Amino acid sequence: MDNIKNDQYFVGKIQDDLAFIIKHMNDVDQEELAHNELLLDSMMFRLIQISENARKLSDEFRLSEHPGIPWIAMFGLRNRIVHDYGSVDLSIIYDTLKNSIPELYNQLCEEMN
């Protein structure tokens, strides 16, 4: 596959993970997320996957074609989750899941059309 096809594939995977988060966080408050280990682990796994797939996108796609997407923030959050730098702040994770993820999904969908 050439870079364009690779980019399309990985953007599709990112969009799927974003949609999964939006669907499963729809009626969840921070307290419920804090007490539901399976949901929290699932959501953090999806955040990690989003970043991992974003790293597989070509530099041209990320830097030249879509510089408005918060790529660096995605990578930073992934590192915090994976490496547990001082433990992950649940309020940041919750805010990301409830606010940043829907915004990112909409932004990515708009830019891909």
Foldseek 3Di string as FASTA:
>chain_A
DDQVVLQVVLLVLLLVLLVVLCVVCVPPDLVNCVVDVVNVVSNLVSLLSNLVSLVSHDCCVDVPLPVPQPNVVSVVSNCCSVVVPVHDDSVVSSCCSPPVSVVNSVVSVVSVD
